[in-house]
C-alpha cells in the first residue's frame, strides 16, 4: 500500500502544479476573479493532501496502526477527488450542483486527518 500511496501522491502533486499553472495562465482571462479563486482553492487543497498522502506512505512502514494510516490515505484520495474535483468542474463547466459535493470531500479530509491523529497514539 505504501508504494501505491507514494505513486498517487506523486501524480496528485504533479497534477496540482499543472492545474495551478493552467489556472494562473489559461483561465485568468476567461473567468472572473471569484471563479479563479475557487479553482485556486481546489489546487491548494489537492497539493496539501498530496503531501499528506506522501506522509502516510512514509509512515506506513513504521507504524503499528496500518489500518488507520491506510484509511487516512484513502480518505485523502477520496477527499481530493470530491473536494478539489468538484471545484474544478464547478469552475470549468459551471455546474452549480457540484457545490453540494464539495463538503463531502471536506468531510473525507477531516476524517482522514483524525485517522492520522489516532494512528499517532496506536
Foldseek 3Di string as FASTA:
>chain_A
DLVVLLVVLVVLQVVLVVQLVCLVPVCPVPADPVLSVLLNVLSVLSNVLSVVSNVLSVCCVPFPCNVLSVLLNVLSVVLSCQQSVLSVCCSPVVPVVSVVRNVVSVVSNVSSVVSVVVRVVD
